[in-house]
C-alpha atoms as a PDB file:
ATOM      1  CA  MET A   1      69.761 -61.825-121.119  1.00  0.00           C
ATOM      2  CA  PHE A   2      68.013 -61.078-124.471  1.00  0.00           C
ATOM      3  CA  LYS A   3      65.240 -63.615-125.187  1.00  0.00           C
ATOM      4  CA  GLY A   4      65.486 -64.630-128.851  1.00  0.00           C
ATOM      5  CA  ASP A   5      62.170 -66.556-128.745  1.00  0.00           C
ATOM      6  CA  ARG A   6      60.382 -63.389-127.977  1.00  0.00           C
ATOM      7  CA  LEU A   7      61.976 -61.578-130.948  1.00  0.00           C
ATOM      8  CA  LYS A   8      60.899 -64.479-133.125  1.00  0.00           C
ATOM      9  CA  LEU A   9      57.378 -64.385-131.746  1.00  0.00           C
ATOM     10  CA  LEU A  10      57.079 -60.609-132.328  1.00  0.00           C
ATOM     11  CA  ARG A  11      58.504 -60.937-135.831  1.00  0.00           C
ATOM     12  CA  GLU A  12      56.155 -63.706-136.775  1.00  0.00           C
ATOM     13  CA  GLU A  13      53.169 -61.855-135.374  1.00  0.00           C
ATOM     14  CA  LYS A  14      54.005 -58.943-137.697  1.00  0.00           C
ATOM     15  CA  LYS A  15      54.367 -61.410-140.472  1.00  0.00           C
ATOM     16  CA  ILE A  16      57.816 -60.285-141.553  1.00  0.00           C
ATOM     17  CA  THR A  17      60.850 -62.306-142.496  1.00  0.00           C
ATOM     18  CA  GLN A  18      64.258 -62.291-140.861  1.00  0.00           C
ATOM     19  CA  MET A  19      65.487 -60.672-144.004  1.00  0.00           C
ATOM     20  CA  GLU A  20      62.995 -57.787-143.831  1.00  0.00           C
ATOM     21  CA  LEU A  21      63.681 -57.187-140.139  1.00  0.00           C
ATOM     22  CA  GLY A  22      67.420 -57.274-140.746  1.00  0.00           C
ATOM     23  CA  LYS A  23      67.079 -54.840-143.615  1.00  0.00           C
ATOM     24  CA  PHE A  24      65.066 -52.489-141.411  1.00  0.00           C
ATOM     25  CA  PHE A  25      67.833 -52.462-138.777  1.00  0.00           C
ATOM     26  CA  GLY A  26      70.677 -52.478-141.300  1.00  0.00           C
ATOM     27  CA  ILE A  27      71.913 -55.907-140.247  1.00  0.00           C
ATOM     28  CA  SER A  28      71.939 -59.303-141.951  1.00  0.00           C
ATOM     29  CA  ASP A  29      69.131 -61.877-141.701  1.00  0.00           C
ATOM     30  CA  ALA A  30      71.787 -64.202-140.294  1.00  0.00           C
ATOM     31  CA  ALA A  31      72.267 -61.803-137.400  1.00  0.00           C
ATOM     32  CA  ILE A  32      68.497 -61.900-136.792  1.00  0.00           C
ATOM     33  CA  ASN A  33      68.601 -65.714-136.892  1.00  0.00           C
ATOM     34  CA  TYR A  34      71.470 -65.757-134.362  1.00  0.00           C
ATOM     35  CA  TYR A  35      69.520 -63.446-132.020  1.00  0.00           C
ATOM     36  CA  GLU A  36      66.378 -65.527-132.306  1.00  0.00           C
ATOM     37  CA  LYS A  37      68.337 -68.709-131.525  1.00  0.00           C
ATOM     38  CA  ASN A  38      70.201 -66.988-128.638  1.00  0.00           C
ATOM     39  CA  LYS A  39      73.534 -67.716-130.318  1.00  0.00           C
ATOM     40  CA  ARG A  40      74.364 -64.004-130.116  1.00  0.00           C
ATOM     41  CA  GLN A  41      73.194 -61.106-128.053  1.00  0.00           C
ATOM     42  CA  PRO A  42      72.267 -57.733-129.708  1.00  0.00           C
ATOM     43  CA  ASP A  43      73.919 -54.665-128.130  1.00  0.00           C
ATOM     44  CA  THR A  44      71.816 -52.360-125.888  1.00  0.00           C
ATOM     45  CA  GLU A  45      71.267 -49.821-128.670  1.00  0.00           C
ATOM     46  CA  LEU A  46      69.769 -52.493-130.948  1.00  0.00           C
ATOM     47  CA  ILE A  47      67.654 -53.867-128.090  1.00  0.00           C
ATOM     48  CA  ALA A  48      66.160 -50.432-127.546  1.00  0.00           C
ATOM     49  CA  LYS A  49      65.473 -50.123-131.334  1.00  0.00           C
ATOM     50  CA  ILE A  50      63.839 -53.573-131.445  1.00  0.00           C
ATOM     51  CA  ALA A  51      61.627 -52.632-128.414  1.00  0.00           C
ATOM     52  CA  GLU A  52      60.606 -49.395-130.084  1.00  0.00           C
ATOM     53  CA  TYR A  53      59.939 -51.170-133.478  1.00  0.00           C
ATOM     54  CA  PHE A  54      57.674 -53.827-131.836  1.00  0.00           C
ATOM     55  CA  ASN A  55      56.193 -51.440-129.214  1.00  0.00           C
ATOM     56  CA  VAL A  56      57.400 -53.589-126.302  1.00  0.00           C
ATOM     57  CA  SER A  57      59.554 -52.792-123.326  1.00  0.00           C
ATOM     58  CA  THR A  58      63.196 -53.652-123.150  1.00  0.00           C
ATOM     59  CA  ASP A  59      62.348 -55.475-119.943  1.00  0.00           C
ATOM     60  CA  TYR A  60      60.140 -57.814-121.958  1.00  0.00           C
ATOM     61  CA  LEU A  61      62.910 -58.525-124.511  1.00  0.00           C
ATOM     62  CA  LEU A  62      65.288 -59.206-121.702  1.00  0.00           C
ATOM     63  CA  GLY A  63      62.926 -61.612-119.913  1.00  0.00           C
ATOM     64  CA  LEU A  64      62.556 -59.360-116.836  1.00  0.00           C
ATOM     65  CA  THR A  65      58.774 -59.295-117.231  1.00  0.00           C
ATOM     66  CA  ASP A  66      56.212 -61.202-119.081  1.00  0.00           C
ATOM     67  CA  TYR A  67      54.208 -58.026-119.823  1.00  0.00           C
ATOM     68  CA  ARG A  68      54.989 -56.602-123.198  1.00  0.00           C
ATOM     69  CA  THR A  69      54.319 -53.110-122.055  1.00  0.00           C
ATOM     70  CA  PRO A  70      53.517 -51.380-118.736  1.00  0.00           C
ATOM     71  CA  VAL A  71      50.010 -50.812-120.223  1.00  0.00           C
ATOM     72  CA  ASP A  72      49.493 -54.613-120.223  1.00  0.00           C
ATOM     73  CA  LYS A  73      50.399 -54.916-116.608  1.00  0.00           C
ATOM     74  CA  ILE A  74      48.114 -52.056-115.621  1.00  0.00           C
ATOM     75  CA  SER A  75      45.198 -53.581-117.627  1.00  0.00           C
ATOM     76  CA  GLU A  76      45.633 -56.936-115.868  1.00  0.00           C
ATOM     77  CA  ALA A  77      46.008 -55.266-112.403  1.00  0.00           C
ATOM     78  CA  LEU A  78      42.650 -53.546-112.837  1.00  0.00           C
ATOM     79  CA  GLY A  79      40.988 -56.914-113.038  1.00  0.00           C
ATOM     80  CA  THR A  80      37.192 -56.691-112.643  1.00  0.00           C
ATOM     81  CA  ASP A  81      36.913 -53.094-111.492  1.00  0.00           C
ATOM     82  CA  GLN A  82      34.818 -51.901-114.404  1.00  0.00           C
ATOM     83  CA  GLU A  83      34.885 -48.231-113.485  1.00  0.00           C
ATOM     84  CA  LEU A  84      38.699 -48.154-113.350  1.00  0.00           C
ATOM     85  CA  LEU A  85      38.963 -50.338-116.388  1.00  0.00           C
ATOM     86  CA  LYS A  86      36.726 -47.948-118.395  1.00  0.00           C
ATOM     87  CA  PHE A  87      38.785 -44.978-117.243  1.00  0.00           C
ATOM     88  CA  TRP A  88      42.027 -46.751-118.152  1.00  0.00           C
ATOM     89  CA  GLU A  89      40.794 -47.779-121.590  1.00  0.00           C
ATOM     90  CA  GLU A  90      39.870 -44.106-122.301  1.00  0.00           C
ATOM     91  CA  THR A  91      43.219 -42.734-121.282  1.00  0.00           C
ATOM     92  CA  LYS A  92      45.925 -45.408-121.891  1.00  0.00           C
ATOM     93  CA  ASP A  93      46.888 -44.301-125.386  1.00  0.00           C
ATOM     94  CA  ARG A  94      47.853 -40.795-124.231  1.00  0.00           C
ATOM     95  CA  GLU A  95      51.650 -40.457-124.332  1.00  0.00           C
ATOM     96  CA  ASN A  96      51.864 -38.545-121.086  1.00  0.00           C
ATOM     97  CA  VAL A  97      49.741 -41.225-119.357  1.00  0.00           C
ATOM     98  CA  GLN A  98      52.015 -43.964-120.628  1.00  0.00           C
ATOM     99  CA  LEU A  99      55.080 -42.080-119.279  1.00  0.00           C
ATOM    100  CA  LEU A 100      53.419 -41.744-115.907  1.00  0.00           C
ATOM    101  CA  PHE A 101      52.656 -45.432-115.733  1.00  0.00           C
ATOM    102  CA  LYS A 102      56.108 -46.455-116.851  1.00  0.00           C
ATOM    103  CA  GLN A 103      57.182 -45.036-113.478  1.00  0.00           C
ATOM    104  CA  ILE A 104      54.987 -47.420-111.531  1.00  0.00           C
ATOM    105  CA  ARG A 105      55.630 -50.614-113.410  1.00  0.00           C
ATOM    106  CA  HIS A 106      57.176 -52.339-110.396  1.00  0.00           C
ATOM    107  CA  LEU A 107      54.363 -51.585-108.049  1.00  0.00           C
ATOM    108  CA  SER A 108      51.914 -54.211-106.837  1.00  0.00           C
ATOM    109  CA  ASP A 109      48.439 -54.519-108.319  1.00  0.00           C
ATOM    110  CA  LYS A 110      47.000 -52.908-105.162  1.00  0.00           C
ATOM    111  CA  ASP A 111      49.317 -49.962-105.423  1.00  0.00           C
ATOM    112  CA  ILE A 112      48.585 -49.520-109.164  1.00  0.00           C
ATOM    113  CA  ASN A 113      44.875 -49.463-108.445  1.00  0.00           C
ATOM    114  CA  GLN A 114      45.414 -46.769-105.813  1.00  0.00           C
ATOM    115  CA  VAL A 115      47.414 -44.548-108.258  1.00  0.00           C
ATOM    116  CA  ILE A 116      44.585 -44.879-110.794  1.00  0.00           C
ATOM    117  CA  ARG A 117      41.928 -44.042-108.175  1.00  0.00           C
ATOM    118  CA  ILE A 118      43.956 -40.846-107.296  1.00  0.00           C
ATOM    119  CA  ILE A 119      44.055 -39.826-110.937  1.00  0.00           C
ATOM    120  CA  LYS A 120      40.325 -40.547-111.320  1.00  0.00           C
ATOM    121  CA  ALA A 121      39.533 -38.429-108.241  1.00  0.00           C
ATOM    122  CA  ILE A 122      41.525 -35.526-109.725  1.00  0.00           C
ATOM    123  CA  GLU A 123      39.552 -35.876-113.018  1.00  0.00           C
ATOM    124  CA  ASP A 124      36.246 -35.964-111.159  1.00  0.00           C
ATOM    125  CA  GLU A 125      37.147 -32.895-109.178  1.00  0.00           C
ATOM    126  CA  GLU A 126      38.065 -30.986-112.356  1.00  0.00           C
ATOM    127  CA  ALA A 127      34.739 -32.049-113.977  1.00  0.00           C
ATOM    128  CA  ASN A 128      32.833 -30.627-111.079  1.00  0.00           C
ATOM    129  CA  GLU A 129      34.500 -27.207-111.200  1.00  0.00           C
END
């Protein structure tokens, strides 16, 4: 179920009004108000557009995860491993890396760390060639 409070939070963080957001999506500000108050549910197409606009996952908007993006989950999973964290910070904005990590969003923290170690090993091997 769509989480209207999350839409409201995202909208307020961007400092835009319901009217401005509605205009962007070609719907009324009243519709945005209904979505934010959970009086109505946007269709799946609009949910996808909202997710893209705010750069969050549809899972976040639907309340299936508390992570706004898979990137957030990965950053948290790395915890205090400074070497992996540095590597992640250097590569996380690459589109192909983001696509890769979307595939592992449901893995445990331990498994995510293992995937990142494998990628790091490949990078180190290429650097030594």
